[in-house]
Amino acid sequence: MANKHNQAAIPDLSEFARHRREIPLELAEQYAGTYVAWDLAGAHILASGESLPEVEAKVRQQGLEVCDVVFDFIDAPDQAWIG
């Protein structure tokens, strides 16, 4: 996503939060305890790994830039953060 000046455009993340909240339990269990890179809509995990640098490298191997994804950490489904 770049504009005519070859600068990254600000993505519209309006759907991301909704999709992220609706992550299926099976997917949360599969990626629990790992870092992931979501597409900008939050509908698909494009890469995963044990560290952010690992996930970033996998994103770049796919020909994507870091501005094309949203990095996240998937907690275990039975884990809650209070703060």
N, C-alpha and C. Protein backbone atom coordinates (compact mmCIF):
# COMPACT_ATOMS: atom_id res chain seq x y z
N MET A 1 0.83 -1.18 0.00
CA MET A 1 0.00 0.00 0.00
C MET A 1 0.87 1.24 0.00
N ALA A 2 1.07 1.84 -1.11
CA ALA A 2 1.87 3.05 -1.17
C ALA A 2 1.12 4.11 -1.95
N ASN A 3 1.42 5.36 -1.63
CA ASN A 3 0.78 6.44 -2.37
C ASN A 3 1.69 6.87 -3.51
N LYS A 4 1.32 7.93 -4.22
CA LYS A 4 2.09 8.34 -5.40
C LYS A 4 3.49 8.82 -5.07
N HIS A 5 3.78 9.09 -3.81
CA HIS A 5 5.10 9.53 -3.38
C HIS A 5 5.91 8.36 -2.83
N ASN A 6 5.41 7.13 -3.05
CA ASN A 6 6.07 5.90 -2.61
C ASN A 6 6.25 5.85 -1.09
N GLN A 7 5.32 6.43 -0.37
CA GLN A 7 5.31 6.35 1.09
C GLN A 7 4.19 5.41 1.49
N ALA A 8 4.39 4.69 2.55
CA ALA A 8 3.35 3.77 3.02
C ALA A 8 2.11 4.56 3.41
N ALA A 9 0.97 4.15 2.88
CA ALA A 9 -0.29 4.77 3.24
C ALA A 9 -0.75 4.22 4.59
N ILE A 10 -1.52 4.98 5.29
CA ILE A 10 -2.05 4.52 6.57
C ILE A 10 -3.18 3.54 6.28
N PRO A 11 -3.05 2.30 6.74
CA PRO A 11 -4.08 1.30 6.43
C PRO A 11 -5.37 1.56 7.20
N ASP A 12 -6.46 1.14 6.61
CA ASP A 12 -7.75 1.20 7.28
C ASP A 12 -7.91 -0.09 8.08
N LEU A 13 -7.76 -0.01 9.37
CA LEU A 13 -7.81 -1.19 10.22
C LEU A 13 -9.17 -1.40 10.88
N SER A 14 -10.21 -0.83 10.28
CA SER A 14 -11.53 -0.91 10.90
C SER A 14 -12.03 -2.34 11.07
N GLU A 15 -11.67 -3.22 10.16
CA GLU A 15 -12.11 -4.61 10.26
C GLU A 15 -11.18 -5.46 11.12
N PHE A 16 -9.96 -4.98 11.31
CA PHE A 16 -8.98 -5.79 12.02
C PHE A 16 -9.44 -6.16 13.43
N ALA A 17 -9.87 -5.19 14.20
CA ALA A 17 -10.26 -5.45 15.59
C ALA A 17 -11.41 -6.44 15.67
N ARG A 18 -12.37 -6.31 14.77
CA ARG A 18 -13.51 -7.24 14.77
C ARG A 18 -13.04 -8.65 14.45
N HIS A 19 -12.25 -8.81 13.40
CA HIS A 19 -11.76 -10.14 13.05
C HIS A 19 -10.89 -10.73 14.15
N ARG A 20 -10.06 -9.91 14.76
CA ARG A 20 -9.16 -10.40 15.81
C ARG A 20 -9.96 -10.90 17.01
N ARG A 21 -11.04 -10.21 17.35
CA ARG A 21 -11.90 -10.65 18.46
C ARG A 21 -12.59 -11.97 18.14
N GLU A 22 -12.83 -12.24 16.87
CA GLU A 22 -13.57 -13.42 16.45
C GLU A 22 -12.67 -14.60 16.08
N ILE A 23 -11.42 -14.56 16.50
CA ILE A 23 -10.49 -15.65 16.17
C ILE A 23 -11.06 -16.98 16.69
N PRO A 24 -11.14 -17.99 15.84
CA PRO A 24 -11.65 -19.29 16.30
C PRO A 24 -10.74 -19.89 17.36
N LEU A 25 -11.33 -20.59 18.31
CA LEU A 25 -10.58 -21.21 19.40
C LEU A 25 -9.49 -22.14 18.86
N GLU A 26 -9.79 -22.88 17.80
CA GLU A 26 -8.81 -23.81 17.23
C GLU A 26 -7.57 -23.06 16.74
N LEU A 27 -7.79 -21.90 16.14
CA LEU A 27 -6.67 -21.10 15.64
C LEU A 27 -5.86 -20.54 16.80
N ALA A 28 -6.57 -20.06 17.83
CA ALA A 28 -5.88 -19.54 19.02
C ALA A 28 -5.04 -20.64 19.67
N GLU A 29 -5.56 -21.84 19.72
CA GLU A 29 -4.81 -22.95 20.32
C GLU A 29 -3.60 -23.32 19.46
N GLN A 30 -3.77 -23.29 18.15
CA GLN A 30 -2.69 -23.65 17.23
C GLN A 30 -1.51 -22.68 17.35
N TYR A 31 -1.79 -21.40 17.52
CA TYR A 31 -0.74 -20.38 17.57
C TYR A 31 -0.45 -19.87 18.98
N ALA A 32 -1.01 -20.49 19.99
CA ALA A 32 -0.83 -20.04 21.38
C ALA A 32 0.65 -19.96 21.73
N GLY A 33 1.03 -18.83 22.30
CA GLY A 33 2.40 -18.63 22.74
C GLY A 33 3.37 -18.25 21.64
N THR A 34 2.85 -17.86 20.47
CA THR A 34 3.72 -17.47 19.36
C THR A 34 3.39 -16.06 18.87
N TYR A 35 4.36 -15.49 18.19
CA TYR A 35 4.16 -14.22 17.51
C TYR A 35 3.63 -14.51 16.12
N VAL A 36 2.77 -13.64 15.65
CA VAL A 36 2.19 -13.82 14.32
C VAL A 36 2.17 -12.51 13.56
N ALA A 37 1.99 -12.62 12.26
CA ALA A 37 1.77 -11.46 11.39
C ALA A 37 0.42 -11.69 10.71
N TRP A 38 -0.52 -10.80 10.99
CA TRP A 38 -1.85 -10.85 10.39
C TRP A 38 -1.88 -10.02 9.12
N ASP A 39 -2.78 -10.37 8.21
CA ASP A 39 -3.05 -9.43 7.11
C ASP A 39 -3.74 -8.22 7.72
N LEU A 40 -3.82 -7.14 6.98
CA LEU A 40 -4.34 -5.89 7.55
C LEU A 40 -5.81 -5.96 7.93
N ALA A 41 -6.53 -6.93 7.40
CA ALA A 41 -7.94 -7.09 7.77
C ALA A 41 -8.09 -7.94 9.04
N GLY A 42 -7.01 -8.59 9.47
CA GLY A 42 -7.08 -9.45 10.65
C GLY A 42 -7.79 -10.75 10.38
N ALA A 43 -7.90 -11.12 9.11
CA ALA A 43 -8.63 -12.33 8.74
C ALA A 43 -7.72 -13.55 8.59
N HIS A 44 -6.42 -13.32 8.30
CA HIS A 44 -5.51 -14.42 8.04
C HIS A 44 -4.16 -14.19 8.70
N ILE A 45 -3.60 -15.24 9.24
CA ILE A 45 -2.24 -15.20 9.76
C ILE A 45 -1.32 -15.55 8.60
N LEU A 46 -0.39 -14.65 8.31
CA LEU A 46 0.52 -14.82 7.18
C LEU A 46 1.85 -15.46 7.57
N ALA A 47 2.24 -15.33 8.82
CA ALA A 47 3.49 -15.91 9.30
C ALA A 47 3.43 -16.04 10.81
N SER A 48 4.22 -16.96 11.34
CA SER A 48 4.29 -17.12 12.80
C SER A 48 5.69 -17.56 13.19
N GLY A 49 6.01 -17.39 14.46
CA GLY A 49 7.32 -17.79 14.94
C GLY A 49 7.47 -17.54 16.43
N GLU A 50 8.62 -17.93 16.94
CA GLU A 50 8.91 -17.80 18.37
C GLU A 50 9.35 -16.39 18.76
N SER A 51 9.72 -15.56 17.77
CA SER A 51 10.17 -14.20 18.07
C SER A 51 9.70 -13.26 16.96
N LEU A 52 9.63 -11.97 17.30
CA LEU A 52 9.25 -10.98 16.28
C LEU A 52 10.25 -10.94 15.11
N PRO A 53 11.56 -10.98 15.38
CA PRO A 53 12.50 -10.99 14.24
C PRO A 53 12.28 -12.18 13.30
N GLU A 54 11.96 -13.33 13.86
CA GLU A 54 11.69 -14.51 13.04
C GLU A 54 10.46 -14.29 12.16
N VAL A 55 9.41 -13.74 12.75
CA VAL A 55 8.18 -13.49 11.99
C VAL A 55 8.43 -12.43 10.92
N GLU A 56 9.16 -11.39 11.27
CA GLU A 56 9.47 -10.34 10.30
C GLU A 56 10.24 -10.93 9.11
N ALA A 57 11.19 -11.79 9.37
CA ALA A 57 11.95 -12.42 8.29
C ALA A 57 11.04 -13.25 7.39
N LYS A 58 10.10 -13.97 7.98
CA LYS A 58 9.17 -14.77 7.19
C LYS A 58 8.26 -13.88 6.35
N VAL A 59 7.86 -12.74 6.89
CA VAL A 59 7.04 -11.79 6.14
C VAL A 59 7.81 -11.29 4.92
N ARG A 60 9.05 -10.91 5.14
CA ARG A 60 9.88 -10.40 4.04
C ARG A 60 10.17 -11.48 2.99
N GLN A 61 10.29 -12.74 3.41
CA GLN A 61 10.50 -13.84 2.48
C GLN A 61 9.32 -14.01 1.54
N GLN A 62 8.14 -13.57 1.99
CA GLN A 62 6.94 -13.64 1.16
C GLN A 62 6.81 -12.43 0.23
N GLY A 63 7.81 -11.55 0.29
CA GLY A 63 7.76 -10.36 -0.56
C GLY A 63 6.93 -9.23 0.00
N LEU A 64 6.58 -9.32 1.27
CA LEU A 64 5.78 -8.29 1.92
C LEU A 64 6.68 -7.37 2.72
N GLU A 65 6.18 -6.20 3.01
CA GLU A 65 6.87 -5.26 3.88
C GLU A 65 6.18 -5.28 5.25
N VAL A 66 6.86 -4.79 6.26
CA VAL A 66 6.28 -4.79 7.59
C VAL A 66 5.03 -3.91 7.67
N CYS A 67 4.90 -2.94 6.78
CA CYS A 67 3.71 -2.09 6.78
C CYS A 67 2.51 -2.80 6.15
N ASP A 68 2.71 -4.01 5.61
CA ASP A 68 1.63 -4.78 5.00
C ASP A 68 0.96 -5.73 5.98
N VAL A 69 1.45 -5.78 7.22
CA VAL A 69 0.94 -6.73 8.20
C VAL A 69 0.77 -6.06 9.56
N VAL A 70 0.10 -6.77 10.46
CA VAL A 70 -0.02 -6.35 11.86
C VAL A 70 0.62 -7.46 12.70
N PHE A 71 1.64 -7.10 13.47
CA PHE A 71 2.30 -8.07 14.33
C PHE A 71 1.53 -8.20 15.64
N ASP A 72 1.51 -9.41 16.17
CA ASP A 72 0.71 -9.69 17.36
C ASP A 72 1.33 -10.87 18.09
N PHE A 73 0.90 -11.06 19.34
CA PHE A 73 1.26 -12.24 20.11
C PHE A 73 -0.03 -12.93 20.49
N ILE A 74 -0.12 -14.23 20.26
CA ILE A 74 -1.33 -14.98 20.57
C ILE A 74 -1.16 -15.62 21.95
N ASP A 75 -1.96 -15.15 22.89
CA ASP A 75 -1.95 -15.74 24.23
C ASP A 75 -2.68 -17.07 24.19
N ALA A 76 -2.40 -17.91 25.19
CA ALA A 76 -3.14 -19.14 25.35
C ALA A 76 -4.61 -18.78 25.59
N PRO A 77 -5.55 -19.56 25.02
CA PRO A 77 -6.97 -19.24 25.15
C PRO A 77 -7.45 -19.15 26.60
N ASP A 78 -6.79 -19.86 27.52
CA ASP A 78 -7.21 -19.84 28.92
C ASP A 78 -6.44 -18.83 29.75
N GLN A 79 -5.70 -17.95 29.09
CA GLN A 79 -4.90 -16.93 29.77
C GLN A 79 -5.57 -15.57 29.61
N ALA A 80 -5.63 -14.82 30.68
CA ALA A 80 -6.23 -13.49 30.64
C ALA A 80 -5.25 -12.48 31.23
N TRP A 81 -5.24 -11.30 30.66
CA TRP A 81 -4.40 -10.21 31.16
C TRP A 81 -5.29 -9.17 31.83
N ILE A 82 -4.96 -8.82 33.02
CA ILE A 82 -5.73 -7.80 33.73
C ILE A 82 -4.76 -6.66 34.03
N GLY A 83 -5.17 -5.48 33.64
CA GLY A 83 -4.24 -4.39 33.86
C GLY A 83 -4.79 -3.05 33.59
